[in-house]
Amino acid sequence: MLNWAEVSRLPLLGPRYNIAPSQELLTIIQSGSEPAFEVMTWGLIPSWSREPVGLINARAETLEEKPSFSESFARRRCLIPADGFYEWQRNGKTRQPYYFQMKDEAAFAFAGLWDSWRNPSNEFSTAAVTSCAIITTSPNELLATIHDRMPVILSPAEYDRWLHEDARLDELRELLAPFPADEMKSFPVSAEVNHARAEGPQLVEPVVVKEIEQGMLF
């Protein structure tokens, strides 16, 4: 069984408020009979790819149709722990970020896929890049006001089922549904988060409408 309490005690987990694609993040995979923590690059590079081009999201509706994701869905699934995430609402040429989290602000996990890639143009290199993607689905009522997609969030009761190597794919498909909106909350945050290098707890502080308007005039 996955000991979720261990996640917050890992020494490699420092506070992060703005993880961008191509950066490292913590994942949980199935290793033998037990789950294990693994640091991966955000942006899945399929093992057969000629170039290290990472795919940050995988649409739940087409996982089994896309060569980039079908094998990983069948054999290499992971959990990606978080306690919040951003989505952006487009308004003309501007994008206003919103922060989403559980109502009780508890940690949760995204459904993810992973793969391992080696550079085919360098026959002398044995180094592999282990990378992952977050699965997305249609939005719940809360997300739908901001964006037309949302990440797949799994409930704790589904973690072991998602990771289990012998899980049936038809049963896993049932998990790729919008998370209940009444268990989540959201609020607008500063446009500072639009910059990949921005970091710090101020990024998840709520802002009022007037501040949003001023922040977008740059």
Protein backbone atom coordinates (compact mmCIF):
# COMPACT_ATOMS: atom_id res chain seq x y z
CA MET A 1 0.00 0.00 0.00
CA LEU A 2 1.14 3.55 -0.75
CA ASN A 3 2.09 5.46 2.38
CA TRP A 4 0.98 8.92 1.30
CA ALA A 5 2.31 10.52 4.51
CA GLU A 6 5.87 9.74 3.38
CA VAL A 7 5.64 12.16 0.46
CA SER A 8 5.83 15.32 2.56
CA ARG A 9 8.83 14.01 4.51
CA LEU A 10 11.11 13.33 1.56
CA PRO A 11 14.34 15.37 1.78
CA LEU A 12 14.39 15.93 -1.99
CA LEU A 13 11.05 17.72 -1.81
CA GLY A 14 11.60 21.42 -1.30
CA PRO A 15 8.68 23.83 -1.63
CA ARG A 16 7.86 24.53 -5.29
CA TYR A 17 5.29 27.03 -6.47
CA ASN A 18 5.87 27.18 -10.22
CA ILE A 19 7.07 23.98 -11.88
CA ALA A 20 7.42 24.42 -15.64
CA PRO A 21 7.76 21.87 -18.45
CA SER A 22 11.29 20.41 -18.80
CA GLN A 23 11.88 20.82 -15.06
CA GLU A 24 12.11 17.94 -12.58
CA LEU A 25 9.21 16.81 -10.47
CA LEU A 26 8.50 13.98 -8.07
CA THR A 27 6.52 10.96 -9.19
CA ILE A 28 5.45 7.66 -7.67
CA ILE A 29 5.79 4.48 -9.71
CA GLN A 30 5.31 0.78 -9.09
CA SER A 31 8.65 -0.90 -8.39
CA GLY A 32 8.20 -4.64 -7.96
CA SER A 33 5.51 -5.15 -5.36
CA GLU A 34 5.90 -1.72 -3.75
CA PRO A 35 5.45 1.89 -4.87
CA ALA A 36 8.63 3.95 -5.14
CA PHE A 37 9.46 7.63 -5.47
CA GLU A 38 11.18 8.73 -8.68
CA VAL A 39 12.31 12.16 -9.90
CA MET A 40 11.44 12.70 -13.58
CA THR A 41 11.52 15.42 -16.20
CA TRP A 42 8.13 16.93 -16.99
CA GLY A 43 7.61 16.28 -20.70
CA LEU A 44 7.36 12.63 -21.79
CA ILE A 45 9.83 11.57 -24.48
CA PRO A 46 8.73 8.26 -26.04
CA SER A 47 11.45 5.61 -25.97
CA TRP A 48 11.37 5.33 -29.79
CA SER A 49 11.65 9.06 -30.45
CA ARG A 50 14.58 10.32 -32.54
CA GLU A 51 14.55 13.70 -30.81
CA PRO A 52 14.19 14.66 -27.13
CA VAL A 53 10.89 16.47 -27.62
CA GLY A 54 8.77 16.20 -24.46
CA LEU A 55 4.98 15.96 -24.33
CA ILE A 56 3.65 17.55 -21.15
CA ASN A 57 0.01 16.43 -21.41
CA ALA A 58 -1.80 13.32 -22.68
CA ARG A 59 -5.50 13.46 -23.56
CA ALA A 60 -7.45 10.75 -21.74
CA GLU A 61 -9.75 10.22 -24.71
CA THR A 62 -6.94 9.18 -27.09
CA LEU A 63 -4.35 7.47 -24.87
CA GLU A 64 -4.67 4.12 -26.60
CA GLU A 65 -4.67 5.64 -30.09
CA LYS A 66 -1.50 7.69 -29.77
CA PRO A 67 1.80 5.80 -30.19
CA SER A 68 3.44 8.31 -27.84
CA PHE A 69 1.24 7.18 -24.95
CA SER A 70 -0.36 3.80 -25.65
CA GLU A 71 2.46 1.61 -24.34
CA SER A 72 3.03 3.82 -21.31
CA PHE A 73 -0.68 3.68 -20.49
CA ALA A 74 -0.51 -0.11 -20.58
CA ARG A 75 2.80 -0.53 -18.72
CA ARG A 76 4.21 2.68 -17.24
CA ARG A 77 1.76 4.67 -15.15
CA CYS A 78 2.69 7.02 -12.34
CA LEU A 79 1.25 9.36 -9.74
CA ILE A 80 2.39 12.99 -9.62
CA PRO A 81 1.89 14.51 -6.15
CA ALA A 82 0.79 18.12 -5.77
CA ASP A 83 -1.22 20.36 -3.50
CA GLY A 84 -2.36 22.79 -6.19
CA PHE A 85 -2.10 23.72 -9.86
CA TYR A 86 -2.65 26.65 -12.20
CA GLU A 87 -4.91 27.12 -15.20
CA TRP A 88 -5.12 30.21 -17.37
CA GLN A 89 -8.20 32.01 -18.59
CA ARG A 90 -7.77 33.72 -21.93
CA ASN A 91 -9.15 37.24 -22.30
CA GLY A 92 -8.16 38.64 -25.67
CA LYS A 93 -4.38 38.75 -25.76
CA THR A 94 -4.00 38.29 -22.02
CA ARG A 95 -4.02 35.15 -19.86
CA GLN A 96 -5.16 35.37 -16.24
CA PRO A 97 -3.85 32.58 -13.97
CA TYR A 98 -6.08 30.84 -11.42
CA TYR A 99 -4.91 28.55 -8.65
CA PHE A 100 -6.83 25.33 -7.98
CA GLN A 101 -6.62 23.11 -4.90
CA MET A 102 -8.67 20.86 -2.67
CA LYS A 103 -11.10 22.65 -0.35
CA ASP A 104 -9.15 21.40 2.67
CA GLU A 105 -5.84 22.25 0.88
CA ALA A 106 -4.71 18.63 1.22
CA ALA A 107 -2.18 16.99 -1.10
CA PHE A 108 -3.47 14.93 -4.01
CA ALA A 109 -2.09 13.16 -7.08
CA PHE A 110 -2.42 13.56 -10.83
CA ALA A 111 -2.65 10.50 -13.05
CA GLY A 112 0.53 10.35 -15.14
CA LEU A 113 2.47 8.28 -17.66
CA TRP A 114 6.22 7.85 -17.95
CA ASP A 115 8.88 6.53 -20.30
CA SER A 116 12.67 6.23 -20.55
CA TRP A 117 14.60 7.57 -23.55
CA ARG A 118 18.19 7.22 -24.74
CA ASN A 119 19.74 9.37 -27.45
CA PRO A 120 19.85 7.17 -30.59
CA SER A 121 22.48 9.43 -32.20
CA ASN A 122 24.99 8.78 -29.40
CA GLU A 123 25.86 5.08 -29.33
CA PHE A 124 28.41 5.60 -26.57
CA SER A 125 25.99 7.13 -24.11
CA THR A 126 24.14 4.93 -21.64
CA ALA A 127 22.44 7.82 -19.87
CA ALA A 128 18.66 7.72 -20.02
CA VAL A 129 16.12 10.50 -19.60
CA THR A 130 13.13 9.42 -17.53
CA SER A 131 10.20 11.69 -18.23
CA CYS A 132 6.47 11.93 -17.61
CA ALA A 133 3.24 13.52 -18.78
CA ILE A 134 0.05 14.47 -16.95
CA ILE A 135 -3.20 13.02 -18.28
CA THR A 136 -5.96 15.55 -18.96
CA THR A 137 -9.71 15.16 -19.34
CA SER A 138 -12.81 17.32 -19.80
CA PRO A 139 -13.24 19.97 -17.09
CA ASN A 140 -15.56 19.79 -14.11
CA GLU A 141 -17.97 22.65 -13.40
CA LEU A 142 -15.33 24.67 -11.54
CA LEU A 143 -12.63 24.34 -14.20
CA ALA A 144 -15.04 24.85 -17.10
CA THR A 145 -15.36 28.54 -16.27
CA ILE A 146 -11.61 28.94 -16.83
CA HIS A 147 -10.39 26.28 -19.25
CA ASP A 148 -11.65 23.51 -21.54
CA ARG A 149 -9.41 20.82 -20.01
CA MET A 150 -8.29 19.76 -16.54
CA PRO A 151 -5.69 17.31 -15.20
CA VAL A 152 -6.95 13.92 -14.10
CA ILE A 153 -6.91 13.89 -10.29
CA LEU A 154 -7.18 10.49 -8.62
CA SER A 155 -8.73 9.86 -5.22
CA PRO A 156 -6.49 8.14 -2.62
CA ALA A 157 -8.57 4.97 -2.94
CA GLU A 158 -7.52 4.75 -6.58
CA TYR A 159 -3.74 5.19 -6.18
CA ASP A 160 -2.78 1.54 -5.82
CA ARG A 161 -5.20 0.52 -8.55
CA TRP A 162 -3.64 3.05 -10.95
CA LEU A 163 -0.10 1.86 -10.26
CA HIS A 164 -0.75 -1.89 -10.22
CA GLU A 165 1.03 -3.57 -13.13
CA ASP A 166 -1.79 -6.07 -13.68
CA ALA A 167 -4.58 -3.50 -13.73
CA ARG A 168 -7.12 -3.93 -16.51
CA LEU A 169 -7.13 -1.07 -19.00
CA ASP A 170 -10.92 -0.94 -19.18
CA GLU A 171 -11.01 -0.38 -15.42
CA LEU A 172 -8.29 2.27 -15.63
CA ARG A 173 -10.24 4.17 -18.28
CA GLU A 174 -13.04 4.62 -15.74
CA LEU A 175 -10.65 6.58 -13.51
CA LEU A 176 -9.93 9.21 -16.17
CA ALA A 177 -12.93 11.35 -15.28
CA PRO A 178 -13.27 14.93 -14.05
CA PHE A 179 -12.64 15.26 -10.31
CA PRO A 180 -15.73 16.39 -8.33
CA ALA A 181 -15.97 20.18 -8.44
CA ASP A 182 -17.55 20.40 -4.98
CA GLU A 183 -14.32 19.09 -3.44
CA MET A 184 -12.17 21.85 -4.98
CA LYS A 185 -11.74 25.61 -4.81
CA SER A 186 -9.98 28.24 -6.93
CA PHE A 187 -9.06 31.91 -6.98
CA PRO A 188 -7.15 34.31 -9.24
CA VAL A 189 -3.46 34.86 -8.57
CA SER A 190 -0.79 37.28 -9.74
CA ALA A 191 0.32 37.30 -13.37
CA GLU A 192 3.85 36.88 -11.99
CA VAL A 193 3.33 33.12 -12.27
CA ASN A 194 3.28 33.54 -16.07
CA HIS A 195 7.08 33.79 -15.91
CA ALA A 196 8.74 30.37 -15.67
CA ARG A 197 11.51 31.59 -13.36
CA ALA A 198 9.10 33.10 -10.84
CA GLU A 199 9.08 31.21 -7.54
CA GLY A 200 7.82 31.66 -4.00
CA PRO A 201 4.68 31.49 -1.85
CA GLN A 202 3.48 34.87 -3.10
CA LEU A 203 2.50 33.14 -6.35
CA VAL A 204 -0.40 31.33 -4.67
CA GLU A 205 -1.76 34.35 -2.82
CA PRO A 206 -5.23 35.46 -3.96
CA VAL A 207 -5.49 38.79 -5.75
CA VAL A 208 -8.53 41.02 -6.19
CA VAL A 209 -9.98 42.06 -9.52
CA LYS A 210 -8.42 45.52 -9.45
CA GLU A 211 -4.96 44.00 -8.95
CA ILE A 212 -5.59 41.58 -11.79
CA GLU A 213 -6.41 44.42 -14.16
CA GLN A 214 -3.33 46.39 -13.15
CA GLY A 215 -1.11 43.34 -13.34
CA MET A 216 -2.14 42.57 -16.89
CA LEU A 217 -1.27 46.05 -18.21
CA PHE A 218 2.35 45.48 -19.14
